[in-house]
Amino acid sequence: EDRNFRPTDLEFAPDGSLYVIDWHNALIGHMQHNARDPNRDHVHGRIFRVTYPSRPLGYPPVIDGAPIADLLENLTLPESRARYRTRRELREHDGATVASAAVEWAAKQDDERLKLEALWVTWGADQVDEELLGELLGSDDHRIRSAAVRVARFNEHQVGNLPEILRTAAEDDHGRVRLE
């Protein structure tokens, strides 16, 4: 009921809680009031942590210092931010080791989304696997195909048949793939 409540950002924490950042300022608008107005608050703000009381919070995955095999298993997590942080951590390891481990891991997966995660890992290691790329370019899911086309077009120095890939994508049934 606070009339000065001005939520400016929302972030989910690794444990699943929601943080709401509140600017909390009595003056609103686009500088219709002077920036030096004595009513303008320059030091206060609030951060609210919102949780679901009857559910336990999750535990953030171990990322920093984890072995490559554990990091690849983190790619199965449902939280996109955990997967993103995991891919960032994998970039800190030796590229050849990470790329070969990711390709081996992808070969054991049935879910194309997980194979796409592995393709992104090889991209982050600057060693895109063309066989995995080709498999995902032939996916029935337009989202997988469009993501694979994006990987191909940003890695033309590694993809031997890029003009053919782009021609095929330009003639795809789905607009999202054609857009890539």
Protein backbone atom coordinates (compact mmCIF):
# COMPACT_ATOMS: atom_id res chain seq x y z
CA GLU A 1 0.00 0.00 0.00
CA ASP A 2 3.06 2.25 -0.02
CA ARG A 3 2.45 4.90 -2.70
CA ASN A 4 6.20 5.33 -3.17
CA PHE A 5 6.73 1.68 -4.14
CA ARG A 6 8.62 1.70 -7.45
CA PRO A 7 9.76 -1.81 -8.43
CA THR A 8 12.63 -1.36 -10.87
CA ASP A 9 14.08 -4.85 -11.22
CA LEU A 10 13.21 -8.48 -10.56
CA GLU A 11 15.80 -11.23 -10.20
CA PHE A 12 15.50 -14.90 -9.36
CA ALA A 13 18.17 -16.23 -7.02
CA PRO A 14 19.76 -19.66 -7.50
CA ASP A 15 17.63 -20.99 -4.64
CA GLY A 16 14.41 -20.04 -6.48
CA SER A 17 13.49 -17.00 -4.39
CA LEU A 18 12.47 -13.78 -6.15
CA TYR A 19 14.15 -10.49 -5.32
CA VAL A 20 12.26 -7.27 -6.03
CA ILE A 21 14.36 -4.12 -6.10
CA ASP A 22 12.33 -1.07 -5.08
CA TRP A 23 13.56 2.41 -5.98
CA HIS A 24 11.23 3.94 -3.33
CA ASN A 25 11.09 7.56 -4.37
CA ALA A 26 8.32 10.09 -3.82
CA LEU A 27 9.16 11.87 -7.08
CA ILE A 28 8.33 10.07 -10.29
CA GLY A 29 8.46 10.89 -13.96
CA HIS A 30 11.06 11.91 -16.44
CA MET A 31 12.75 14.83 -14.72
CA GLN A 32 9.68 17.05 -14.54
CA HIS A 33 11.04 17.84 -11.08
CA ASN A 34 14.47 19.21 -10.57
CA ALA A 35 17.12 16.59 -9.78
CA ARG A 36 18.14 18.71 -6.78
CA ASP A 37 14.63 18.84 -5.35
CA PRO A 38 14.96 18.26 -1.58
CA ASN A 39 12.18 15.66 -1.75
CA ARG A 40 14.22 13.47 -4.11
CA ASP A 41 15.64 10.56 -2.14
CA HIS A 42 19.19 9.62 -3.16
CA VAL A 43 20.02 7.15 -0.42
CA HIS A 44 17.07 4.86 0.17
CA GLY A 45 15.72 1.86 -1.63
CA ARG A 46 14.54 -1.54 -0.61
CA ILE A 47 15.08 -5.12 -1.63
CA PHE A 48 12.28 -7.60 -1.00
CA ARG A 49 12.86 -11.35 -1.02
CA VAL A 50 9.75 -13.28 -2.02
CA THR A 51 9.45 -17.00 -1.37
CA TYR A 52 6.69 -19.59 -1.35
CA PRO A 53 6.30 -20.37 2.37
CA SER A 54 5.09 -23.96 2.13
CA ARG A 55 7.79 -25.09 -0.35
CA PRO A 56 11.44 -25.65 0.40
CA LEU A 57 13.90 -23.48 -1.46
CA GLY A 58 16.24 -25.08 -3.94
CA TYR A 59 19.97 -25.39 -3.53
CA PRO A 60 22.26 -23.67 -6.00
CA PRO A 61 24.40 -26.10 -7.97
CA VAL A 62 28.13 -26.36 -7.41
CA ILE A 63 29.76 -24.55 -10.31
CA ASP A 64 32.98 -22.92 -9.20
CA GLY A 65 35.74 -25.51 -9.04
CA ALA A 66 33.52 -28.40 -10.12
CA PRO A 67 34.97 -31.02 -12.48
CA ILE A 68 33.96 -30.90 -16.15
CA ALA A 69 31.75 -34.00 -15.87
CA ASP A 70 29.73 -32.40 -13.04
CA LEU A 71 29.47 -29.13 -14.95
CA LEU A 72 28.07 -30.96 -17.97
CA GLU A 73 25.48 -32.60 -15.72
CA ASN A 74 24.51 -29.10 -14.52
CA LEU A 75 23.29 -28.47 -18.08
CA THR A 76 20.31 -30.73 -17.28
CA LEU A 77 19.08 -28.33 -14.58
CA PRO A 78 15.77 -26.56 -15.24
CA GLU A 79 17.06 -23.11 -14.18
CA SER A 80 18.42 -21.21 -17.16
CA ARG A 81 20.67 -19.02 -15.03
CA ALA A 82 22.38 -22.06 -13.51
CA ARG A 83 22.98 -23.45 -17.00
CA TYR A 84 24.30 -20.07 -18.16
CA ARG A 85 26.73 -19.83 -15.23
CA THR A 86 27.81 -23.41 -15.91
CA ARG A 87 28.56 -22.63 -19.56
CA ARG A 88 30.55 -19.57 -18.42
CA GLU A 89 32.56 -21.73 -16.02
CA LEU A 90 33.28 -24.27 -18.77
CA ARG A 91 34.87 -21.48 -20.83
CA GLU A 92 37.53 -21.17 -18.15
CA HIS A 93 38.75 -24.75 -18.77
CA ASP A 94 40.92 -26.07 -21.59
CA GLY A 95 38.86 -25.77 -24.79
CA ALA A 96 39.90 -29.08 -26.36
CA THR A 97 39.15 -31.02 -23.18
CA VAL A 98 35.78 -29.33 -22.70
CA ALA A 99 34.74 -29.73 -26.34
CA SER A 100 35.55 -33.45 -26.47
CA ALA A 101 33.82 -34.06 -23.12
CA ALA A 102 30.75 -32.12 -24.31
CA VAL A 103 30.52 -34.13 -27.54
CA GLU A 104 30.83 -37.41 -25.62
CA TRP A 105 28.20 -36.23 -23.14
CA ALA A 106 25.85 -35.15 -25.96
CA ALA A 107 26.12 -38.58 -27.60
CA LYS A 108 24.58 -40.10 -24.45
CA GLN A 109 21.62 -37.70 -24.44
CA ASP A 110 18.21 -38.35 -26.00
CA ASP A 111 16.87 -34.83 -25.47
CA GLU A 112 17.77 -32.42 -28.29
CA ARG A 113 17.74 -29.50 -25.86
CA LEU A 114 20.60 -31.12 -23.97
CA LYS A 115 22.46 -31.71 -27.21
CA LEU A 116 21.98 -28.02 -27.99
CA GLU A 117 23.48 -27.16 -24.61
CA ALA A 118 26.49 -29.29 -25.57
CA LEU A 119 26.73 -27.49 -28.93
CA TRP A 120 26.77 -24.16 -27.10
CA VAL A 121 29.54 -25.49 -24.86
CA THR A 122 31.63 -26.42 -27.91
CA TRP A 123 30.98 -22.94 -29.30
CA GLY A 124 32.18 -21.43 -26.01
CA ALA A 125 35.33 -23.56 -26.32
CA ASP A 126 35.75 -22.24 -29.90
CA GLN A 127 35.62 -25.81 -31.23
CA VAL A 128 32.16 -26.30 -32.73
CA ASP A 129 31.49 -29.95 -33.51
CA GLU A 130 30.16 -30.13 -37.09
CA GLU A 131 28.58 -33.56 -36.65
CA LEU A 132 26.56 -32.37 -33.64
CA LEU A 133 25.71 -29.16 -35.50
CA GLY A 134 24.46 -31.15 -38.51
CA GLU A 135 22.31 -33.35 -36.30
CA LEU A 136 20.63 -30.34 -34.67
CA LEU A 137 20.15 -28.55 -37.99
CA GLY A 138 17.94 -31.51 -38.97
CA SER A 139 15.78 -31.31 -35.85
CA ASP A 140 11.98 -31.39 -36.06
CA ASP A 141 11.85 -28.54 -33.50
CA HIS A 142 12.18 -25.12 -35.15
CA ARG A 143 13.70 -23.68 -31.96
CA ILE A 144 16.54 -26.20 -32.07
CA ARG A 145 17.09 -25.60 -35.81
CA SER A 146 17.18 -21.83 -35.40
CA ALA A 147 19.64 -22.04 -32.50
CA ALA A 148 21.85 -24.35 -34.56
CA VAL A 149 21.77 -21.93 -37.51
CA ARG A 150 22.87 -19.16 -35.15
CA VAL A 151 25.82 -21.24 -33.99
CA ALA A 152 26.75 -21.94 -37.63
CA ARG A 153 26.61 -18.34 -38.78
CA PHE A 154 28.74 -17.07 -35.91
CA ASN A 155 31.34 -19.77 -36.54
CA GLU A 156 31.94 -19.58 -40.28
CA HIS A 157 35.66 -20.07 -39.67
CA GLN A 158 34.88 -23.57 -38.36
CA VAL A 159 31.89 -24.62 -40.44
CA GLY A 160 32.88 -25.94 -43.84
CA ASN A 161 29.49 -25.85 -45.56
CA LEU A 162 28.10 -22.56 -44.22
CA PRO A 163 26.62 -21.35 -47.56
CA GLU A 164 24.68 -24.61 -47.88
CA ILE A 165 23.48 -24.38 -44.25
CA LEU A 166 22.29 -20.80 -44.77
CA ARG A 167 20.56 -21.64 -48.07
CA THR A 168 18.70 -24.50 -46.38
CA ALA A 169 17.76 -22.27 -43.44
CA ALA A 170 16.53 -19.52 -45.78
CA GLU A 171 14.09 -22.03 -47.29
CA ASP A 172 12.92 -23.47 -43.93
CA ASP A 173 9.20 -23.76 -43.21
CA HIS A 174 9.47 -21.75 -39.99
CA GLY A 175 10.10 -18.00 -40.00
CA ARG A 176 12.33 -18.09 -36.94
CA VAL A 177 14.81 -20.36 -38.73
CA ARG A 178 14.64 -18.18 -41.86
CA LEU A 179 15.29 -15.11 -39.70
CA GLU A 180 18.51 -16.63 -38.35
